[in-house]
Amino acid sequence: MRFRWLALAALLAAPLAFGAEEKKGDDEGKWAPWKWANFVILAGGLGYLIGKNAGGFFRGRTQSIQKDIAEATRLKAEAEAKASEMEAKLAALGAEIEKLRADAKAAFDNEGERIRQETEKLLARLQQQNEREIDSMSKSARASLQAWAAQLALELAEERIRARMDAPAQSRLMDKFTKQLATAKPEARQ
């Protein structure tokens, strides 16, 4: 920063010094060597200051720029790597989605088939159970119907027997029974 101010001051002072010489045209020869000496001292001082400070300044600036360029190059490489990684992930995303869809469809199909098979087994068991219950109910109904028919037959036979059974028939039946008892063997009686 100091170098810039000194260079600017030298550039501004030089035209003023040369402009002052042109105005004083008659004193030109008397002060000219001093003016040149002054100019040489000023230019030498400025050159010394520029040489002393400019080298370090430009080296530091160059190093800073090179460091910033290296950092920017590194950041650019990282960004490009991340971008290529993201592009690869995005490219694989479509395939991954299709794979997930296919897996889900296969799982739904398998689950649907499993449920269908279980439903068929359950329906077969229910049908067998219903058939057993119907068979059991029909056997029970037949037994009940046979018992009722036997009861009716007994009642009907009893009515017929009572209707036919009058006093002479009872006496004949009793005589027949006693004759059978009398003719029966003694072992059969016990």
N, C-alpha and C. Protein backbone atom coordinates (compact mmCIF):
# COMPACT_ATOMS: atom_id res chain seq x y z
N MET A 1 0.82 -1.19 0.00
CA MET A 1 0.00 0.00 0.00
C MET A 1 0.88 1.27 0.00
N ARG A 2 1.95 1.24 0.79
CA ARG A 2 2.86 2.39 0.81
C ARG A 2 3.50 2.61 -0.55
N PHE A 3 3.82 1.50 -1.20
CA PHE A 3 4.42 1.58 -2.51
C PHE A 3 3.48 2.29 -3.48
N ARG A 4 2.25 1.99 -3.43
CA ARG A 4 1.29 2.62 -4.34
C ARG A 4 1.21 4.13 -4.09
N TRP A 5 1.20 4.51 -2.83
CA TRP A 5 1.13 5.94 -2.51
C TRP A 5 2.39 6.68 -2.97
N LEU A 6 3.53 6.06 -2.78
CA LEU A 6 4.78 6.70 -3.20
C LEU A 6 4.86 6.81 -4.72
N ALA A 7 4.43 5.76 -5.41
CA ALA A 7 4.45 5.80 -6.87
C ALA A 7 3.49 6.88 -7.38
N LEU A 8 2.34 6.98 -6.76
CA LEU A 8 1.36 8.00 -7.16
C LEU A 8 1.90 9.41 -6.90
N ALA A 9 2.56 9.61 -5.75
CA ALA A 9 3.12 10.91 -5.42
C ALA A 9 4.22 11.29 -6.40
N ALA A 10 5.06 10.31 -6.81
CA ALA A 10 6.14 10.58 -7.75
C ALA A 10 5.57 10.95 -9.11
N LEU A 11 4.56 10.25 -9.53
CA LEU A 11 3.96 10.55 -10.82
C LEU A 11 3.32 11.94 -10.83
N LEU A 12 2.72 12.30 -9.71
CA LEU A 12 2.10 13.63 -9.64
C LEU A 12 3.15 14.75 -9.51
N ALA A 13 4.23 14.49 -8.83
CA ALA A 13 5.26 15.51 -8.61
C ALA A 13 6.10 15.76 -9.86
N ALA A 14 6.32 14.78 -10.68
CA ALA A 14 7.16 14.93 -11.87
C ALA A 14 6.60 15.97 -12.83
N PRO A 15 5.32 15.95 -13.22
CA PRO A 15 4.84 16.98 -14.14
C PRO A 15 4.89 18.36 -13.51
N LEU A 16 4.66 18.45 -12.20
CA LEU A 16 4.71 19.76 -11.55
C LEU A 16 6.12 20.34 -11.61
N ALA A 17 7.10 19.45 -11.39
CA ALA A 17 8.49 19.92 -11.43
C ALA A 17 8.87 20.34 -12.84
N PHE A 18 8.46 19.55 -13.84
CA PHE A 18 8.79 19.90 -15.21
C PHE A 18 7.96 21.09 -15.68
N GLY A 19 6.71 21.19 -15.19
CA GLY A 19 5.86 22.34 -15.55
C GLY A 19 6.41 23.62 -14.95
N ALA A 20 7.00 23.57 -13.77
CA ALA A 20 7.56 24.75 -13.13
C ALA A 20 8.78 25.22 -13.89
N GLU A 21 9.54 24.32 -14.48
CA GLU A 21 10.70 24.68 -15.27
C GLU A 21 10.30 25.44 -16.52
N GLU A 22 9.23 25.05 -17.13
CA GLU A 22 8.81 25.71 -18.35
C GLU A 22 8.37 27.14 -18.07
N LYS A 23 7.80 27.40 -16.94
CA LYS A 23 7.35 28.74 -16.61
C LYS A 23 8.52 29.68 -16.33
N LYS A 24 9.50 29.19 -15.71
CA LYS A 24 10.61 30.04 -15.33
C LYS A 24 11.72 29.98 -16.38
N GLY A 25 11.49 30.00 -17.51
CA GLY A 25 12.42 29.83 -18.62
C GLY A 25 13.78 30.48 -18.43
N ASP A 26 13.92 31.62 -17.76
CA ASP A 26 15.20 32.29 -17.66
C ASP A 26 16.09 31.72 -16.57
N ASP A 27 15.53 31.11 -15.57
CA ASP A 27 16.34 30.50 -14.51
C ASP A 27 16.60 29.03 -14.80
N GLU A 28 16.36 28.62 -15.95
CA GLU A 28 16.41 27.20 -16.30
C GLU A 28 17.83 26.66 -16.15
N GLY A 29 18.76 27.25 -16.55
CA GLY A 29 20.11 26.71 -16.53
C GLY A 29 20.69 26.66 -15.14
N LYS A 30 20.32 27.57 -14.26
CA LYS A 30 20.88 27.65 -12.93
C LYS A 30 20.37 26.54 -12.02
N TRP A 31 19.15 26.21 -12.11
CA TRP A 31 18.56 25.22 -11.21
C TRP A 31 18.40 23.83 -11.86
N ALA A 32 18.70 23.68 -13.07
CA ALA A 32 18.51 22.41 -13.78
C ALA A 32 19.29 21.27 -13.15
N PRO A 33 20.59 21.43 -12.81
CA PRO A 33 21.29 20.28 -12.22
C PRO A 33 20.69 19.88 -10.87
N TRP A 34 20.22 20.84 -10.12
CA TRP A 34 19.61 20.50 -8.82
C TRP A 34 18.27 19.79 -9.00
N LYS A 35 17.60 20.21 -9.99
CA LYS A 35 16.31 19.57 -10.26
C LYS A 35 16.54 18.13 -10.72
N TRP A 36 17.60 17.96 -11.55
CA TRP A 36 17.89 16.60 -11.99
C TRP A 36 18.40 15.76 -10.81
N ALA A 37 19.13 16.33 -9.99
CA ALA A 37 19.63 15.61 -8.81
C ALA A 37 18.45 15.25 -7.90
N ASN A 38 17.56 16.18 -7.73
CA ASN A 38 16.36 15.95 -6.93
C ASN A 38 15.53 14.82 -7.55
N PHE A 39 15.42 14.88 -8.88
CA PHE A 39 14.66 13.86 -9.58
C PHE A 39 15.32 12.49 -9.43
N VAL A 40 16.63 12.46 -9.58
CA VAL A 40 17.37 11.19 -9.46
C VAL A 40 17.22 10.64 -8.06
N ILE A 41 17.32 11.49 -7.04
CA ILE A 41 17.16 11.04 -5.65
C ILE A 41 15.75 10.50 -5.43
N LEU A 42 14.80 11.28 -5.93
CA LEU A 42 13.40 10.85 -5.78
C LEU A 42 13.16 9.54 -6.53
N ALA A 43 13.63 9.45 -7.78
CA ALA A 43 13.45 8.23 -8.57
C ALA A 43 14.20 7.07 -7.94
N GLY A 44 15.45 7.35 -7.43
CA GLY A 44 16.22 6.30 -6.76
C GLY A 44 15.52 5.82 -5.50
N GLY A 45 14.99 6.76 -4.71
CA GLY A 45 14.27 6.38 -3.49
C GLY A 45 13.02 5.57 -3.81
N LEU A 46 12.33 6.06 -4.83
CA LEU A 46 11.13 5.30 -5.24
C LEU A 46 11.51 3.92 -5.77
N GLY A 47 12.58 3.86 -6.56
CA GLY A 47 13.05 2.57 -7.09
C GLY A 47 13.48 1.64 -5.97
N TYR A 48 14.18 2.20 -4.96
CA TYR A 48 14.61 1.40 -3.82
C TYR A 48 13.39 0.86 -3.06
N LEU A 49 12.46 1.76 -2.79
CA LEU A 49 11.26 1.33 -2.06
C LEU A 49 10.45 0.31 -2.86
N ILE A 50 10.35 0.56 -4.17
CA ILE A 50 9.61 -0.39 -5.01
C ILE A 50 10.33 -1.73 -5.03
N GLY A 51 11.66 -1.71 -5.22
CA GLY A 51 12.43 -2.95 -5.27
C GLY A 51 12.38 -3.69 -3.94
N LYS A 52 12.43 -2.93 -2.84
CA LYS A 52 12.42 -3.56 -1.52
C LYS A 52 11.05 -4.16 -1.21
N ASN A 53 9.99 -3.45 -1.48
CA ASN A 53 8.64 -3.90 -1.09
C ASN A 53 7.91 -4.66 -2.20
N ALA A 54 8.17 -4.36 -3.43
CA ALA A 54 7.41 -4.97 -4.52
C ALA A 54 7.69 -6.46 -4.65
N GLY A 55 8.95 -6.87 -4.48
CA GLY A 55 9.29 -8.29 -4.61
C GLY A 55 8.52 -9.15 -3.61
N GLY A 56 8.58 -8.76 -2.35
CA GLY A 56 7.85 -9.51 -1.31
C GLY A 56 6.34 -9.44 -1.52
N PHE A 57 5.90 -8.24 -1.91
CA PHE A 57 4.46 -8.07 -2.17
C PHE A 57 4.00 -8.99 -3.29
N PHE A 58 4.77 -8.96 -4.42
CA PHE A 58 4.36 -9.78 -5.57
C PHE A 58 4.53 -11.27 -5.29
N ARG A 59 5.59 -11.63 -4.54
CA ARG A 59 5.74 -13.04 -4.17
C ARG A 59 4.58 -13.49 -3.28
N GLY A 60 4.25 -12.70 -2.26
CA GLY A 60 3.13 -13.03 -1.37
C GLY A 60 1.82 -13.09 -2.13
N ARG A 61 1.66 -12.13 -3.03
CA ARG A 61 0.44 -12.11 -3.84
C ARG A 61 0.38 -13.33 -4.74
N THR A 62 1.52 -13.68 -5.37
CA THR A 62 1.58 -14.86 -6.24
C THR A 62 1.29 -16.12 -5.43
N GLN A 63 1.90 -16.23 -4.26
CA GLN A 63 1.65 -17.40 -3.41
C GLN A 63 0.18 -17.47 -2.99
N SER A 64 -0.37 -16.34 -2.63
CA SER A 64 -1.78 -16.31 -2.24
C SER A 64 -2.68 -16.71 -3.41
N ILE A 65 -2.36 -16.20 -4.59
CA ILE A 65 -3.16 -16.55 -5.78
C ILE A 65 -3.00 -18.03 -6.09
N GLN A 66 -1.75 -18.55 -6.01
CA GLN A 66 -1.53 -19.97 -6.29
C GLN A 66 -2.24 -20.84 -5.24
N LYS A 67 -2.21 -20.40 -3.99
CA LYS A 67 -2.91 -21.14 -2.93
C LYS A 67 -4.41 -21.14 -3.20
N ASP A 68 -4.95 -19.98 -3.57
CA ASP A 68 -6.39 -19.89 -3.88
C ASP A 68 -6.74 -20.74 -5.10
N ILE A 69 -5.85 -20.75 -6.11
CA ILE A 69 -6.08 -21.57 -7.31
C ILE A 69 -6.07 -23.05 -6.93
N ALA A 70 -5.10 -23.45 -6.08
CA ALA A 70 -5.03 -24.86 -5.66
C ALA A 70 -6.29 -25.23 -4.87
N GLU A 71 -6.71 -24.35 -3.97
CA GLU A 71 -7.93 -24.60 -3.18
C GLU A 71 -9.15 -24.69 -4.09
N ALA A 72 -9.22 -23.77 -5.05
CA ALA A 72 -10.35 -23.78 -6.00
C ALA A 72 -10.33 -25.06 -6.84
N THR A 73 -9.14 -25.47 -7.25
CA THR A 73 -9.01 -26.71 -8.04
C THR A 73 -9.45 -27.91 -7.22
N ARG A 74 -9.03 -27.93 -5.94
CA ARG A 74 -9.43 -29.03 -5.05
C ARG A 74 -10.94 -29.03 -4.85
N LEU A 75 -11.52 -27.86 -4.59
CA LEU A 75 -12.97 -27.76 -4.40
C LEU A 75 -13.71 -28.14 -5.67
N LYS A 76 -13.16 -27.74 -6.81
CA LYS A 76 -13.79 -28.10 -8.08
C LYS A 76 -13.77 -29.61 -8.28
N ALA A 77 -12.62 -30.23 -7.97
CA ALA A 77 -12.51 -31.69 -8.11
C ALA A 77 -13.49 -32.40 -7.18
N GLU A 78 -13.59 -31.90 -5.92
CA GLU A 78 -14.55 -32.49 -4.98
C GLU A 78 -15.97 -32.32 -5.49
N ALA A 79 -16.28 -31.13 -5.98
CA ALA A 79 -17.64 -30.88 -6.49
C ALA A 79 -17.94 -31.76 -7.69
N GLU A 80 -16.96 -31.92 -8.58
CA GLU A 80 -17.17 -32.78 -9.75
C GLU A 80 -17.35 -34.23 -9.32
N ALA A 81 -16.56 -34.67 -8.31
CA ALA A 81 -16.70 -36.04 -7.81
C ALA A 81 -18.09 -36.24 -7.20
N LYS A 82 -18.53 -35.25 -6.40
CA LYS A 82 -19.87 -35.35 -5.81
C LYS A 82 -20.94 -35.32 -6.89
N ALA A 83 -20.75 -34.47 -7.88
CA ALA A 83 -21.73 -34.39 -8.97
C ALA A 83 -21.79 -35.70 -9.75
N SER A 84 -20.62 -36.29 -10.03
CA SER A 84 -20.63 -37.57 -10.76
C SER A 84 -21.23 -38.67 -9.89
N GLU A 85 -20.96 -38.62 -8.60
CA GLU A 85 -21.57 -39.60 -7.68
C GLU A 85 -23.08 -39.45 -7.65
N MET A 86 -23.55 -38.21 -7.59
CA MET A 86 -25.00 -37.95 -7.60
C MET A 86 -25.61 -38.39 -8.93
N GLU A 87 -24.92 -38.13 -10.04
CA GLU A 87 -25.44 -38.56 -11.34
C GLU A 87 -25.51 -40.08 -11.41
N ALA A 88 -24.49 -40.75 -10.85
CA ALA A 88 -24.51 -42.22 -10.83
C ALA A 88 -25.66 -42.72 -9.97
N LYS A 89 -25.88 -42.06 -8.82
CA LYS A 89 -27.00 -42.45 -7.95
C LYS A 89 -28.32 -42.21 -8.65
N LEU A 90 -28.43 -41.07 -9.34
CA LEU A 90 -29.67 -40.77 -10.06
C LEU A 90 -29.90 -41.77 -11.19
N ALA A 91 -28.81 -42.15 -11.87
CA ALA A 91 -28.95 -43.13 -12.95
C ALA A 91 -29.37 -44.49 -12.38
N ALA A 92 -28.81 -44.84 -11.21
CA ALA A 92 -29.14 -46.11 -10.58
C ALA A 92 -30.50 -46.06 -9.89
N LEU A 93 -30.99 -44.84 -9.63
CA LEU A 93 -32.27 -44.69 -8.92
C LEU A 93 -33.42 -45.29 -9.72
N GLY A 94 -33.43 -45.07 -11.03
CA GLY A 94 -34.49 -45.64 -11.86
C GLY A 94 -34.49 -47.16 -11.79
N ALA A 95 -33.31 -47.74 -11.89
CA ALA A 95 -33.19 -49.20 -11.80
C ALA A 95 -33.59 -49.69 -10.41
N GLU A 96 -33.21 -48.95 -9.39
CA GLU A 96 -33.56 -49.32 -8.01
C GLU A 96 -35.07 -49.27 -7.81
N ILE A 97 -35.70 -48.23 -8.36
CA ILE A 97 -37.16 -48.11 -8.24
C ILE A 97 -37.84 -49.27 -8.95
N GLU A 98 -37.37 -49.61 -10.13
CA GLU A 98 -37.95 -50.74 -10.87
C GLU A 98 -37.76 -52.05 -10.10
N LYS A 99 -36.57 -52.20 -9.49
CA LYS A 99 -36.31 -53.41 -8.70
C LYS A 99 -37.26 -53.47 -7.52
N LEU A 100 -37.45 -52.33 -6.83
CA LEU A 100 -38.37 -52.29 -5.69
C LEU A 100 -39.80 -52.61 -6.13
N ARG A 101 -40.19 -52.06 -7.28
CA ARG A 101 -41.54 -52.35 -7.79
C ARG A 101 -41.69 -53.83 -8.10
N ALA A 102 -40.68 -54.40 -8.75
CA ALA A 102 -40.74 -55.83 -9.09
C ALA A 102 -40.79 -56.68 -7.82
N ASP A 103 -39.96 -56.32 -6.83
CA ASP A 103 -39.96 -57.06 -5.56
C ASP A 103 -41.32 -56.96 -4.87
N ALA A 104 -41.88 -55.74 -4.86
CA ALA A 104 -43.19 -55.54 -4.22
C ALA A 104 -44.27 -56.34 -4.95
N LYS A 105 -44.23 -56.33 -6.29
CA LYS A 105 -45.23 -57.08 -7.07
C LYS A 105 -45.09 -58.57 -6.80
N ALA A 106 -43.84 -59.06 -6.76
CA ALA A 106 -43.62 -60.49 -6.47
C ALA A 106 -44.12 -60.83 -5.07
N ALA A 107 -43.86 -59.95 -4.10
CA ALA A 107 -44.32 -60.19 -2.73
C ALA A 107 -45.85 -60.20 -2.68
N PHE A 108 -46.49 -59.25 -3.38
CA PHE A 108 -47.96 -59.21 -3.40
C PHE A 108 -48.51 -60.47 -4.08
N ASP A 109 -47.87 -60.89 -5.18
CA ASP A 109 -48.33 -62.10 -5.87
C ASP A 109 -48.18 -63.32 -4.97
N ASN A 110 -47.03 -63.44 -4.31
CA ASN A 110 -46.80 -64.57 -3.40
C ASN A 110 -47.80 -64.56 -2.25
N GLU A 111 -48.02 -63.40 -1.69
CA GLU A 111 -48.97 -63.28 -0.58
C GLU A 111 -50.38 -63.61 -1.04
N GLY A 112 -50.74 -63.14 -2.23
CA GLY A 112 -52.06 -63.45 -2.79
C GLY A 112 -52.23 -64.95 -3.02
N GLU A 113 -51.19 -65.60 -3.54
CA GLU A 113 -51.25 -67.04 -3.76
C GLU A 113 -51.36 -67.79 -2.43
N ARG A 114 -50.59 -67.35 -1.44
CA ARG A 114 -50.64 -67.98 -0.12
C ARG A 114 -52.03 -67.84 0.49
N ILE A 115 -52.62 -66.66 0.38
CA ILE A 115 -53.96 -66.43 0.92
C ILE A 115 -54.98 -67.27 0.17
N ARG A 116 -54.83 -67.38 -1.16
CA ARG A 116 -55.75 -68.20 -1.95
C ARG A 116 -55.69 -69.65 -1.51
N GLN A 117 -54.46 -70.17 -1.32
CA GLN A 117 -54.29 -71.56 -0.90
C GLN A 117 -54.87 -71.80 0.50
N GLU A 118 -54.62 -70.87 1.41
CA GLU A 118 -55.18 -71.00 2.76
C GLU A 118 -56.70 -70.96 2.73
N THR A 119 -57.25 -70.09 1.87
CA THR A 119 -58.70 -69.99 1.75
C THR A 119 -59.27 -71.29 1.20
N GLU A 120 -58.61 -71.88 0.20
CA GLU A 120 -59.07 -73.16 -0.34
C GLU A 120 -59.03 -74.25 0.73
N LYS A 121 -57.93 -74.29 1.51
CA LYS A 121 -57.83 -75.29 2.57
C LYS A 121 -58.94 -75.08 3.61
N LEU A 122 -59.16 -73.84 3.98
CA LEU A 122 -60.19 -73.54 4.98
C LEU A 122 -61.57 -73.91 4.46
N LEU A 123 -61.84 -73.60 3.19
CA LEU A 123 -63.14 -73.96 2.60
C LEU A 123 -63.30 -75.47 2.54
N ALA A 124 -62.23 -76.20 2.20
CA ALA A 124 -62.30 -77.66 2.16
C ALA A 124 -62.58 -78.21 3.55
N ARG A 125 -61.89 -77.67 4.58
CA ARG A 125 -62.14 -78.11 5.95
C ARG A 125 -63.57 -77.80 6.38
N LEU A 126 -64.05 -76.60 6.05
CA LEU A 126 -65.43 -76.24 6.40
C LEU A 126 -66.43 -77.15 5.69
N GLN A 127 -66.15 -77.47 4.44
CA GLN A 127 -67.06 -78.34 3.70
C GLN A 127 -67.07 -79.74 4.32
N GLN A 128 -65.89 -80.25 4.68
CA GLN A 128 -65.82 -81.57 5.32
C GLN A 128 -66.56 -81.55 6.66
N GLN A 129 -66.35 -80.48 7.41
CA GLN A 129 -67.02 -80.36 8.71
C GLN A 129 -68.53 -80.29 8.51
N ASN A 130 -68.97 -79.51 7.52
CA ASN A 130 -70.41 -79.41 7.25
C ASN A 130 -70.97 -80.77 6.82
N GLU A 131 -70.22 -81.49 5.99
CA GLU A 131 -70.67 -82.81 5.55
C GLU A 131 -70.78 -83.76 6.74
N ARG A 132 -69.79 -83.72 7.66
CA ARG A 132 -69.87 -84.56 8.85
C ARG A 132 -71.07 -84.18 9.71
N GLU A 133 -71.29 -82.88 9.89
CA GLU A 133 -72.44 -82.44 10.69
C GLU A 133 -73.75 -82.85 10.03
N ILE A 134 -73.82 -82.70 8.71
CA ILE A 134 -75.04 -83.09 8.00
C ILE A 134 -75.25 -84.59 8.12
N ASP A 135 -74.17 -85.37 7.98
CA ASP A 135 -74.26 -86.82 8.10
C ASP A 135 -74.70 -87.20 9.51
N SER A 136 -74.08 -86.53 10.50
CA SER A 136 -74.45 -86.80 11.90
C SER A 136 -75.91 -86.42 12.15
N MET A 137 -76.35 -85.28 11.64
CA MET A 137 -77.73 -84.85 11.82
C MET A 137 -78.71 -85.79 11.11
N SER A 138 -78.30 -86.24 9.91
CA SER A 138 -79.20 -87.15 9.19
C SER A 138 -79.27 -88.50 9.91
N LYS A 139 -78.15 -89.00 10.48
CA LYS A 139 -78.19 -90.24 11.26
C LYS A 139 -79.07 -90.06 12.48
N SER A 140 -78.91 -88.92 13.14
CA SER A 140 -79.71 -88.63 14.32
C SER A 140 -81.19 -88.53 13.94
N ALA A 141 -81.45 -87.88 12.81
CA ALA A 141 -82.85 -87.73 12.36
C ALA A 141 -83.42 -89.10 11.99
N ARG A 142 -82.60 -89.95 11.35
CA ARG A 142 -83.07 -91.30 11.00
C ARG A 142 -83.38 -92.10 12.26
N ALA A 143 -82.44 -92.03 13.23
CA ALA A 143 -82.65 -92.77 14.49
C ALA A 143 -83.90 -92.26 15.19
N SER A 144 -84.05 -90.94 15.19
CA SER A 144 -85.24 -90.34 15.82
C SER A 144 -86.50 -90.76 15.07
N LEU A 145 -86.41 -90.73 13.73
CA LEU A 145 -87.55 -91.13 12.91
C LEU A 145 -87.86 -92.61 13.11
N GLN A 146 -86.83 -93.46 13.21
CA GLN A 146 -87.06 -94.89 13.44
C GLN A 146 -87.69 -95.11 14.81
N ALA A 147 -87.18 -94.36 15.82
CA ALA A 147 -87.75 -94.50 17.16
C ALA A 147 -89.21 -94.06 17.16
N TRP A 148 -89.47 -92.96 16.47
CA TRP A 148 -90.86 -92.46 16.40
C TRP A 148 -91.75 -93.45 15.64
N ALA A 149 -91.20 -94.01 14.53
CA ALA A 149 -91.96 -94.98 13.76
C ALA A 149 -92.21 -96.24 14.59
N ALA A 150 -91.19 -96.68 15.36
CA ALA A 150 -91.36 -97.85 16.22
C ALA A 150 -92.40 -97.57 17.29
N GLN A 151 -92.35 -96.36 17.85
CA GLN A 151 -93.33 -95.96 18.86
C GLN A 151 -94.72 -95.98 18.27
N LEU A 152 -94.84 -95.40 17.05
CA LEU A 152 -96.15 -95.39 16.39
C LEU A 152 -96.62 -96.82 16.09
N ALA A 153 -95.67 -97.65 15.65
CA ALA A 153 -96.02 -99.04 15.34
C ALA A 153 -96.49 -99.76 16.59
N LEU A 154 -95.80 -99.55 17.72
CA LEU A 154 -96.21 -100.16 18.98
C LEU A 154 -97.58 -99.66 19.40
N GLU A 155 -97.77 -98.35 19.29
CA GLU A 155 -99.08 -97.80 19.68
C GLU A 155 -100.18 -98.34 18.77
N LEU A 156 -99.88 -98.43 17.49
CA LEU A 156 -100.86 -98.96 16.54
C LEU A 156 -101.13 -100.44 16.82
N ALA A 157 -100.08 -101.20 17.09
CA ALA A 157 -100.25 -102.62 17.40
C ALA A 157 -101.03 -102.79 18.69
N GLU A 158 -100.72 -101.94 19.68
CA GLU A 158 -101.44 -102.00 20.94
C GLU A 158 -102.92 -101.70 20.74
N GLU A 159 -103.21 -100.69 19.92
CA GLU A 159 -104.61 -100.36 19.65
C GLU A 159 -105.30 -101.53 18.96
N ARG A 160 -104.62 -102.12 17.99
CA ARG A 160 -105.23 -103.23 17.26
C ARG A 160 -105.43 -104.43 18.19
N ILE A 161 -104.38 -104.64 19.02
CA ILE A 161 -104.51 -105.78 19.94
C ILE A 161 -105.66 -105.52 20.91
N ARG A 162 -105.78 -104.34 21.44
CA ARG A 162 -106.86 -104.01 22.36
C ARG A 162 -108.21 -104.11 21.67
N ALA A 163 -108.21 -103.69 20.41
CA ALA A 163 -109.48 -103.78 19.69
C ALA A 163 -109.87 -105.23 19.47
N ARG A 164 -108.95 -106.08 19.24
CA ARG A 164 -109.28 -107.49 19.01
C ARG A 164 -109.39 -108.28 20.33
N MET A 165 -108.82 -107.74 21.34
CA MET A 165 -108.76 -108.45 22.58
C MET A 165 -110.08 -108.28 23.36
N ASP A 166 -110.90 -109.23 23.26
CA ASP A 166 -112.11 -109.24 24.07
C ASP A 166 -111.96 -110.37 25.09
N ALA A 167 -112.91 -110.64 25.88
CA ALA A 167 -112.81 -111.62 26.95
C ALA A 167 -112.57 -113.03 26.39
N PRO A 168 -113.30 -113.52 25.34
CA PRO A 168 -113.02 -114.85 24.84
C PRO A 168 -111.62 -114.95 24.25
N ALA A 169 -111.10 -113.89 23.61
CA ALA A 169 -109.76 -113.94 23.02
C ALA A 169 -108.72 -114.00 24.13
N GLN A 170 -108.93 -113.27 25.21
CA GLN A 170 -107.99 -113.29 26.33
C GLN A 170 -107.97 -114.68 26.96
N SER A 171 -109.11 -115.30 27.04
CA SER A 171 -109.17 -116.62 27.63
C SER A 171 -108.46 -117.63 26.75
N ARG A 172 -108.62 -117.55 25.44
CA ARG A 172 -107.93 -118.45 24.53
C ARG A 172 -106.42 -118.25 24.62
N LEU A 173 -105.99 -117.01 24.70
CA LEU A 173 -104.56 -116.68 24.78
C LEU A 173 -103.97 -117.22 26.09
N MET A 174 -104.69 -117.13 27.14
CA MET A 174 -104.23 -117.60 28.43
C MET A 174 -104.13 -119.13 28.43
N ASP A 175 -105.09 -119.79 27.80
CA ASP A 175 -105.06 -121.25 27.73
C ASP A 175 -103.86 -121.70 26.91
N LYS A 176 -103.63 -121.06 25.86
CA LYS A 176 -102.52 -121.40 24.98
C LYS A 176 -101.19 -121.24 25.72
N PHE A 177 -101.05 -120.19 26.51
CA PHE A 177 -99.83 -119.88 27.24
C PHE A 177 -99.59 -120.95 28.32
N THR A 178 -100.63 -121.30 28.99
CA THR A 178 -100.48 -122.31 30.05
C THR A 178 -100.13 -123.67 29.46
N LYS A 179 -100.67 -123.99 28.28
CA LYS A 179 -100.34 -125.26 27.64
C LYS A 179 -98.86 -125.25 27.24
N GLN A 180 -98.39 -124.15 26.79
CA GLN A 180 -96.98 -124.06 26.40
C GLN A 180 -96.09 -124.22 27.62
N LEU A 181 -96.53 -123.71 28.73
CA LEU A 181 -95.72 -123.81 29.94
C LEU A 181 -95.70 -125.27 30.44
N ALA A 182 -96.81 -125.92 30.27
CA ALA A 182 -96.88 -127.28 30.76
C ALA A 182 -96.05 -128.21 29.89
N THR A 183 -95.98 -127.97 28.66
CA THR A 183 -95.22 -128.83 27.75
C THR A 183 -93.76 -128.46 27.68
N ALA A 184 -93.37 -127.39 28.26
CA ALA A 184 -91.99 -126.94 28.20
C ALA A 184 -91.13 -127.80 29.10
N LYS A 185 -89.90 -127.99 28.79
CA LYS A 185 -88.96 -128.78 29.58
C LYS A 185 -88.62 -128.04 30.85
N PRO A 186 -88.33 -128.80 31.88
CA PRO A 186 -88.04 -128.15 33.13
C PRO A 186 -86.78 -127.27 33.04
N GLU A 187 -85.74 -127.55 32.24
CA GLU A 187 -84.55 -126.72 32.13
C GLU A 187 -84.87 -125.37 31.51
N ALA A 188 -85.86 -125.36 30.60
CA ALA A 188 -86.22 -124.11 29.92
C ALA A 188 -86.95 -123.20 30.85
N ARG A 189 -87.58 -123.75 31.87
CA ARG A 189 -88.35 -122.92 32.80
C ARG A 189 -87.44 -122.13 33.71
N GLN A 190 -86.31 -122.61 33.98
CA GLN A 190 -85.42 -121.91 34.91
C GLN A 190 -84.78 -120.83 34.20
